[in-house]
Amino acid sequence: ERVPVKATVKDKEGKDVEFVIGKFDVQLAAAWSISDPATIARVPAMYALMDDGEFSQVAAMLYQYLRGPGANHFRGMPEAMDGASGISKARAKLVRDQAETSLLGDALNFPMPHMADAFKSLDLGEDFRSPVRTAVPTLLFSGTLDGRTYPESAAQIAAGFSNATLITVENGGHNIFEAVPAIQEMIVMFMQGKPITTTKLTLPAPTFVR
């Protein structure tokens, strides 16, 4: 934050690209890495390298996400969808308040809520964001290592589904449906009207990169 560092990465043509990395950049790199176990496993090593003055890994990640071929952000459609979902004034205040002391600040859902005002005309309003109440049979999955939609949030949402089965996937991440065949089999069973007899599934814990 006080003294940003410089790092060099190669672009798709093999040319050197110089990156200036500040506090928010490091927060972004961590935020992008904590959604799934495979990328969570690289975070401690990434910080250890930076602590030793080696920023090439985090620079390569930032370049790929922000400027590289097939960059994952700023494509228009995802931002418009998030803008339409919007954020209430109360939750926006909660984000601002927690960001003051959070290790990742407000980087977790970047570029939201930073760009929310750019999509005011698309905002679907508070009725759209109100809790769902339904008796429709529903199968829900929640990963304990999901760094984007936390188990606490899943439980809060599930409370409105009176006929729901919530499967807690130990060591599961955000992109969970293709993680193991057992999850796909559960989905097929549910769609066939067969009973789901378990509420917990355990996956192998991530092996942290050293």
C-alpha atoms as a PDB file:
ATOM      1  CA  GLU A   1       0.000   0.000   0.000  1.00  0.00           C
ATOM      2  CA  ARG A   2       2.836   2.398   0.870  1.00  0.00           C
ATOM      3  CA  VAL A   3       5.334   1.378  -1.811  1.00  0.00           C
ATOM      4  CA  PRO A   4       3.874  -0.542  -4.794  1.00  0.00           C
ATOM      5  CA  VAL A   5       6.255  -2.991  -6.463  1.00  0.00           C
ATOM      6  CA  LYS A   6       7.048  -3.601 -10.123  1.00  0.00           C
ATOM      7  CA  ALA A   7       7.008  -7.006 -11.809  1.00  0.00           C
ATOM      8  CA  THR A   8       7.417  -8.169 -15.398  1.00  0.00           C
ATOM      9  CA  VAL A   9       5.333 -10.769 -17.240  1.00  0.00           C
ATOM     10  CA  LYS A  10       5.264 -12.014 -20.834  1.00  0.00           C
ATOM     11  CA  ASP A  11       2.318 -11.210 -23.100  1.00  0.00           C
ATOM     12  CA  LYS A  12       0.963 -13.673 -25.674  1.00  0.00           C
ATOM     13  CA  GLU A  13       3.631 -12.521 -28.156  1.00  0.00           C
ATOM     14  CA  GLY A  14       6.424 -13.089 -25.660  1.00  0.00           C
ATOM     15  CA  LYS A  15       7.025  -9.398 -25.039  1.00  0.00           C
ATOM     16  CA  ASP A  16       7.723  -8.073 -21.555  1.00  0.00           C
ATOM     17  CA  VAL A  17       4.849  -6.280 -19.833  1.00  0.00           C
ATOM     18  CA  GLU A  18       5.629  -4.316 -16.683  1.00  0.00           C
ATOM     19  CA  PHE A  19       3.078  -4.456 -13.885  1.00  0.00           C
ATOM     20  CA  VAL A  20       2.791  -2.137 -10.906  1.00  0.00           C
ATOM     21  CA  ILE A  21       1.294  -4.068  -7.995  1.00  0.00           C
ATOM     22  CA  GLY A  22      -0.328  -2.344  -5.032  1.00  0.00           C
ATOM     23  CA  LYS A  23      -2.416  -3.439  -2.067  1.00  0.00           C
ATOM     24  CA  PHE A  24      -5.694  -3.747  -3.988  1.00  0.00           C
ATOM     25  CA  ASP A  25      -4.009  -5.877  -6.656  1.00  0.00           C
ATOM     26  CA  VAL A  26      -2.869  -8.392  -4.047  1.00  0.00           C
ATOM     27  CA  GLN A  27      -6.346  -8.383  -2.511  1.00  0.00           C
ATOM     28  CA  LEU A  28      -7.821  -9.105  -5.954  1.00  0.00           C
ATOM     29  CA  ALA A  29      -5.416 -11.990  -6.554  1.00  0.00           C
ATOM     30  CA  ALA A  30      -6.396 -13.560  -3.228  1.00  0.00           C
ATOM     31  CA  ALA A  31     -10.101 -12.929  -3.807  1.00  0.00           C
ATOM     32  CA  TRP A  32      -9.959 -14.678  -7.188  1.00  0.00           C
ATOM     33  CA  SER A  33      -8.132 -17.625  -5.640  1.00  0.00           C
ATOM     34  CA  ILE A  34     -10.352 -18.578  -2.718  1.00  0.00           C
ATOM     35  CA  SER A  35     -13.463 -19.837  -4.522  1.00  0.00           C
ATOM     36  CA  ASP A  36     -12.264 -23.420  -5.016  1.00  0.00           C
ATOM     37  CA  PRO A  37      -9.870 -25.828  -3.237  1.00  0.00           C
ATOM     38  CA  ALA A  38      -7.459 -26.161  -6.176  1.00  0.00           C
ATOM     39  CA  THR A  39      -6.759 -22.425  -6.218  1.00  0.00           C
ATOM     40  CA  ILE A  40      -7.043 -22.003  -2.438  1.00  0.00           C
ATOM     41  CA  ALA A  41      -4.138 -24.460  -2.198  1.00  0.00           C
ATOM     42  CA  ARG A  42      -1.848 -21.966  -3.971  1.00  0.00           C
ATOM     43  CA  VAL A  43      -2.611 -18.932  -1.788  1.00  0.00           C
ATOM     44  CA  PRO A  44      -0.160 -19.532   1.116  1.00  0.00           C
ATOM     45  CA  ALA A  45       2.697 -20.153  -1.326  1.00  0.00           C
ATOM     46  CA  MET A  46       1.758 -17.020  -3.266  1.00  0.00           C
ATOM     47  CA  TYR A  47       2.028 -14.951  -0.083  1.00  0.00           C
ATOM     48  CA  ALA A  48       5.272 -16.677   0.916  1.00  0.00           C
ATOM     49  CA  LEU A  49       6.811 -15.761  -2.449  1.00  0.00           C
ATOM     50  CA  MET A  50       5.703 -12.135  -2.124  1.00  0.00           C
ATOM     51  CA  ASP A  51       7.102 -12.041   1.400  1.00  0.00           C
ATOM     52  CA  ASP A  52      10.454 -13.033  -0.143  1.00  0.00           C
ATOM     53  CA  GLY A  53      10.140 -10.260  -2.727  1.00  0.00           C
ATOM     54  CA  GLU A  54       9.069 -12.538  -5.589  1.00  0.00           C
ATOM     55  CA  PHE A  55       5.990 -11.091  -7.316  1.00  0.00           C
ATOM     56  CA  SER A  56       6.155 -12.841 -10.704  1.00  0.00           C
ATOM     57  CA  GLN A  57       3.423 -15.363  -9.817  1.00  0.00           C
ATOM     58  CA  VAL A  58       0.898 -12.811  -8.633  1.00  0.00           C
ATOM     59  CA  ALA A  59       1.781 -10.547 -11.572  1.00  0.00           C
ATOM     60  CA  ALA A  60       1.101 -13.366 -14.037  1.00  0.00           C
ATOM     61  CA  MET A  61      -2.267 -14.023 -12.381  1.00  0.00           C
ATOM     62  CA  LEU A  62      -3.264 -10.360 -12.487  1.00  0.00           C
ATOM     63  CA  TYR A  63      -2.226 -10.082 -16.118  1.00  0.00           C
ATOM     64  CA  GLN A  64      -4.207 -13.153 -17.115  1.00  0.00           C
ATOM     65  CA  TYR A  65      -7.366 -11.978 -15.346  1.00  0.00           C
ATOM     66  CA  LEU A  66      -7.264  -8.348 -16.343  1.00  0.00           C
ATOM     67  CA  ARG A  67      -5.384  -8.056 -19.622  1.00  0.00           C
ATOM     68  CA  GLY A  68      -4.483 -11.479 -20.959  1.00  0.00           C
ATOM     69  CA  PRO A  69      -6.162 -13.447 -23.766  1.00  0.00           C
ATOM     70  CA  GLY A  70      -9.655 -14.426 -22.694  1.00  0.00           C
ATOM     71  CA  ALA A  71      -9.517 -12.116 -19.659  1.00  0.00           C
ATOM     72  CA  ASN A  72     -12.180 -13.120 -17.164  1.00  0.00           C
ATOM     73  CA  HIS A  73     -13.465  -9.658 -16.306  1.00  0.00           C
ATOM     74  CA  PHE A  74     -15.140  -6.669 -17.928  1.00  0.00           C
ATOM     75  CA  ARG A  75     -17.038  -8.526 -20.634  1.00  0.00           C
ATOM     76  CA  GLY A  76     -20.242  -6.522 -20.131  1.00  0.00           C
ATOM     77  CA  MET A  77     -22.807  -9.269 -19.709  1.00  0.00           C
ATOM     78  CA  PRO A  78     -21.682 -10.529 -16.253  1.00  0.00           C
ATOM     79  CA  GLU A  79     -21.451  -6.967 -14.949  1.00  0.00           C
ATOM     80  CA  ALA A  80     -24.929  -6.144 -16.299  1.00  0.00           C
ATOM     81  CA  MET A  81     -26.339  -9.253 -14.598  1.00  0.00           C
ATOM     82  CA  ASP A  82     -24.778  -8.296 -11.276  1.00  0.00           C
ATOM     83  CA  GLY A  83     -26.016  -4.726 -11.734  1.00  0.00           C
ATOM     84  CA  ALA A  84     -29.543  -6.007 -12.343  1.00  0.00           C
ATOM     85  CA  SER A  85     -29.397  -8.120  -9.180  1.00  0.00           C
ATOM     86  CA  GLY A  86     -28.193  -4.984  -7.418  1.00  0.00           C
ATOM     87  CA  ILE A  87     -27.530  -4.453  -3.751  1.00  0.00           C
ATOM     88  CA  SER A  88     -29.688  -2.968  -1.020  1.00  0.00           C
ATOM     89  CA  LYS A  89     -28.583   0.146   0.832  1.00  0.00           C
ATOM     90  CA  ALA A  90     -28.312  -1.868   4.052  1.00  0.00           C
ATOM     91  CA  ARG A  91     -26.065  -4.512   2.496  1.00  0.00           C
ATOM     92  CA  ALA A  92     -23.978  -1.903   0.695  1.00  0.00           C
ATOM     93  CA  LYS A  93     -23.357  -0.228   4.058  1.00  0.00           C
ATOM     94  CA  LEU A  94     -22.439  -3.615   5.561  1.00  0.00           C
ATOM     95  CA  VAL A  95     -19.900  -4.159   2.757  1.00  0.00           C
ATOM     96  CA  ARG A  96     -18.361  -0.737   3.331  1.00  0.00           C
ATOM     97  CA  ASP A  97     -18.193  -1.205   7.101  1.00  0.00           C
ATOM     98  CA  GLN A  98     -16.646  -4.688   6.918  1.00  0.00           C
ATOM     99  CA  ALA A  99     -14.207  -3.664   4.190  1.00  0.00           C
ATOM    100  CA  GLU A 100     -12.507  -1.292   6.600  1.00  0.00           C
ATOM    101  CA  THR A 101     -11.142  -4.194   8.654  1.00  0.00           C
ATOM    102  CA  SER A 102     -11.368  -7.119   6.211  1.00  0.00           C
ATOM    103  CA  LEU A 103      -8.086  -8.594   4.975  1.00  0.00           C
ATOM    104  CA  LEU A 104      -9.418  -8.491   1.401  1.00  0.00           C
ATOM    105  CA  GLY A 105     -11.191  -5.150   1.748  1.00  0.00           C
ATOM    106  CA  ASP A 106     -14.037  -4.964  -0.770  1.00  0.00           C
ATOM    107  CA  ALA A 107     -12.188  -6.944  -3.466  1.00  0.00           C
ATOM    108  CA  LEU A 108     -14.074 -10.232  -3.092  1.00  0.00           C
ATOM    109  CA  ASN A 109     -16.837  -9.474  -5.610  1.00  0.00           C
ATOM    110  CA  PHE A 110     -14.934  -6.971  -7.766  1.00  0.00           C
ATOM    111  CA  PRO A 111     -16.070  -5.192  -9.907  1.00  0.00           C
ATOM    112  CA  MET A 112     -19.164  -5.185  -7.710  1.00  0.00           C
ATOM    113  CA  PRO A 113     -20.363  -3.207  -5.865  1.00  0.00           C
ATOM    114  CA  HIS A 114     -17.846  -0.761  -7.368  1.00  0.00           C
ATOM    115  CA  MET A 115     -19.758  -0.555 -10.666  1.00  0.00           C
ATOM    116  CA  ALA A 116     -23.292  -0.827  -9.262  1.00  0.00           C
ATOM    117  CA  ASP A 117     -24.123   2.803 -10.042  1.00  0.00           C
ATOM    118  CA  ALA A 118     -23.336   2.183 -13.710  1.00  0.00           C
ATOM    119  CA  PHE A 119     -26.381  -0.115 -13.976  1.00  0.00           C
ATOM    120  CA  LYS A 120     -29.026   1.764 -11.984  1.00  0.00           C
ATOM    121  CA  SER A 121     -31.519   1.542 -14.842  1.00  0.00           C
ATOM    122  CA  LEU A 122     -31.254  -2.279 -14.758  1.00  0.00           C
ATOM    123  CA  ASP A 123     -31.689  -2.716 -10.985  1.00  0.00           C
ATOM    124  CA  LEU A 124     -34.595  -5.115 -10.355  1.00  0.00           C
ATOM    125  CA  GLY A 125     -35.306  -3.681  -6.919  1.00  0.00           C
ATOM    126  CA  GLU A 126     -35.892  -4.932  -3.407  1.00  0.00           C
ATOM    127  CA  ASP A 127     -38.738  -7.297  -4.334  1.00  0.00           C
ATOM    128  CA  PHE A 128     -36.343  -9.236  -6.543  1.00  0.00           C
ATOM    129  CA  ARG A 129     -33.846  -9.478  -3.670  1.00  0.00           C
ATOM    130  CA  SER A 130     -36.412 -10.560  -1.050  1.00  0.00           C
ATOM    131  CA  PRO A 131     -36.038 -14.095   0.427  1.00  0.00           C
ATOM    132  CA  VAL A 132     -37.585 -16.931  -1.558  1.00  0.00           C
ATOM    133  CA  ARG A 133     -40.391 -18.828   0.200  1.00  0.00           C
ATOM    134  CA  THR A 134     -41.459 -22.030  -1.491  1.00  0.00           C
ATOM    135  CA  ALA A 135     -42.557 -25.635  -0.910  1.00  0.00           C
ATOM    136  CA  VAL A 136     -41.224 -26.806  -4.290  1.00  0.00           C
ATOM    137  CA  PRO A 137     -38.890 -29.790  -3.790  1.00  0.00           C
ATOM    138  CA  THR A 138     -35.356 -28.466  -4.062  1.00  0.00           C
ATOM    139  CA  LEU A 139     -31.865 -29.955  -3.885  1.00  0.00           C
ATOM    140  CA  LEU A 140     -29.203 -27.572  -2.600  1.00  0.00           C
ATOM    141  CA  PHE A 141     -25.431 -28.029  -2.345  1.00  0.00           C
ATOM    142  CA  SER A 142     -23.017 -26.027  -0.203  1.00  0.00           C
ATOM    143  CA  GLY A 143     -19.227 -26.399  -0.128  1.00  0.00           C
ATOM    144  CA  THR A 144     -17.367 -25.741   3.109  1.00  0.00           C
ATOM    145  CA  LEU A 145     -14.434 -24.269   1.133  1.00  0.00           C
ATOM    146  CA  ASP A 146     -16.577 -22.078  -1.098  1.00  0.00           C
ATOM    147  CA  GLY A 147     -14.952 -18.672  -0.789  1.00  0.00           C
ATOM    148  CA  ARG A 148     -17.785 -16.909  -2.643  1.00  0.00           C
ATOM    149  CA  THR A 149     -21.101 -18.306  -1.408  1.00  0.00           C
ATOM    150  CA  TYR A 150     -20.490 -19.374   2.154  1.00  0.00           C
ATOM    151  CA  PRO A 151     -22.252 -22.244   4.010  1.00  0.00           C
ATOM    152  CA  GLU A 152     -23.857 -19.647   6.288  1.00  0.00           C
ATOM    153  CA  SER A 153     -25.446 -17.995   3.257  1.00  0.00           C
ATOM    154  CA  ALA A 154     -26.638 -21.358   1.924  1.00  0.00           C
ATOM    155  CA  ALA A 155     -28.286 -22.155   5.261  1.00  0.00           C
ATOM    156  CA  GLN A 156     -29.963 -18.755   5.308  1.00  0.00           C
ATOM    157  CA  ILE A 157     -31.370 -19.299   1.815  1.00  0.00           C
ATOM    158  CA  ALA A 158     -32.402 -22.896   2.534  1.00  0.00           C
ATOM    159  CA  ALA A 159     -34.529 -21.692   5.443  1.00  0.00           C
ATOM    160  CA  GLY A 160     -37.072 -20.387   2.935  1.00  0.00           C
ATOM    161  CA  PHE A 161     -37.376 -23.772   1.199  1.00  0.00           C
ATOM    162  CA  SER A 162     -39.712 -25.900   3.301  1.00  0.00           C
ATOM    163  CA  ASN A 163     -39.212 -28.984   1.110  1.00  0.00           C
ATOM    164  CA  ALA A 164     -35.462 -28.773   0.514  1.00  0.00           C
ATOM    165  CA  THR A 165     -32.546 -31.158   0.943  1.00  0.00           C
ATOM    166  CA  LEU A 166     -29.308 -29.311   1.696  1.00  0.00           C
ATOM    167  CA  ILE A 167     -26.152 -31.317   1.017  1.00  0.00           C
ATOM    168  CA  THR A 168     -23.053 -30.022   2.793  1.00  0.00           C
ATOM    169  CA  VAL A 169     -19.952 -30.932   0.780  1.00  0.00           C
ATOM    170  CA  GLU A 170     -16.947 -31.035   3.082  1.00  0.00           C
ATOM    171  CA  ASN A 171     -13.920 -29.562   1.252  1.00  0.00           C
ATOM    172  CA  GLY A 172     -16.166 -28.589  -1.662  1.00  0.00           C
ATOM    173  CA  GLY A 173     -15.721 -25.269  -3.433  1.00  0.00           C
ATOM    174  CA  HIS A 174     -17.816 -22.862  -5.482  1.00  0.00           C
ATOM    175  CA  ASN A 175     -17.766 -24.788  -8.781  1.00  0.00           C
ATOM    176  CA  ILE A 176     -19.047 -27.930  -7.200  1.00  0.00           C
ATOM    177  CA  PHE A 177     -21.326 -29.752  -9.616  1.00  0.00           C
ATOM    178  CA  GLU A 178     -18.515 -31.281 -11.686  1.00  0.00           C
ATOM    179  CA  ALA A 179     -16.253 -31.924  -8.702  1.00  0.00           C
ATOM    180  CA  VAL A 180     -17.009 -35.653  -8.333  1.00  0.00           C
ATOM    181  CA  PRO A 181     -19.411 -38.107 -10.032  1.00  0.00           C
ATOM    182  CA  ALA A 182     -21.286 -38.637  -6.751  1.00  0.00           C
ATOM    183  CA  ILE A 183     -22.702 -35.103  -6.919  1.00  0.00           C
ATOM    184  CA  GLN A 184     -23.939 -35.629 -10.482  1.00  0.00           C
ATOM    185  CA  GLU A 185     -25.485 -38.940  -9.444  1.00  0.00           C
ATOM    186  CA  MET A 186     -27.353 -37.216  -6.609  1.00  0.00           C
ATOM    187  CA  ILE A 187     -28.732 -34.644  -9.035  1.00  0.00           C
ATOM    188  CA  VAL A 188     -29.947 -37.364 -11.401  1.00  0.00           C
ATOM    189  CA  MET A 189     -31.556 -39.276  -8.515  1.00  0.00           C
ATOM    190  CA  PHE A 190     -33.319 -36.138  -7.344  1.00  0.00           C
ATOM    191  CA  MET A 191     -34.636 -35.389 -10.829  1.00  0.00           C
ATOM    192  CA  GLN A 192     -35.927 -38.960 -11.028  1.00  0.00           C
ATOM    193  CA  GLY A 193     -37.846 -38.504  -7.781  1.00  0.00           C
ATOM    194  CA  LYS A 194     -35.654 -40.911  -5.812  1.00  0.00           C
ATOM    195  CA  PRO A 195     -34.955 -40.144  -2.139  1.00  0.00           C
ATOM    196  CA  ILE A 196     -31.676 -38.510  -1.162  1.00  0.00           C
ATOM    197  CA  THR A 197     -30.674 -40.215   2.080  1.00  0.00           C
ATOM    198  CA  THR A 198     -27.565 -38.201   2.997  1.00  0.00           C
ATOM    199  CA  THR A 199     -26.984 -34.582   3.927  1.00  0.00           C
ATOM    200  CA  LYS A 200     -23.174 -34.669   3.878  1.00  0.00           C
ATOM    201  CA  LEU A 201     -20.536 -35.595   1.320  1.00  0.00           C
ATOM    202  CA  THR A 202     -16.807 -35.470   2.028  1.00  0.00           C
ATOM    203  CA  LEU A 203     -14.205 -34.739  -0.650  1.00  0.00           C
ATOM    204  CA  PRO A 204     -10.417 -34.975  -0.229  1.00  0.00           C
ATOM    205  CA  ALA A 205      -8.873 -31.943   1.446  1.00  0.00           C
ATOM    206  CA  PRO A 206      -6.726 -29.745  -0.801  1.00  0.00           C
ATOM    207  CA  THR A 207      -2.986 -30.365  -0.868  1.00  0.00           C
ATOM    208  CA  PHE A 208      -1.349 -26.995  -0.336  1.00  0.00           C
ATOM    209  CA  VAL A 209       1.397 -25.964  -2.732  1.00  0.00           C
ATOM    210  CA  ARG A 210       4.801 -25.555  -1.098  1.00  0.00           C
END
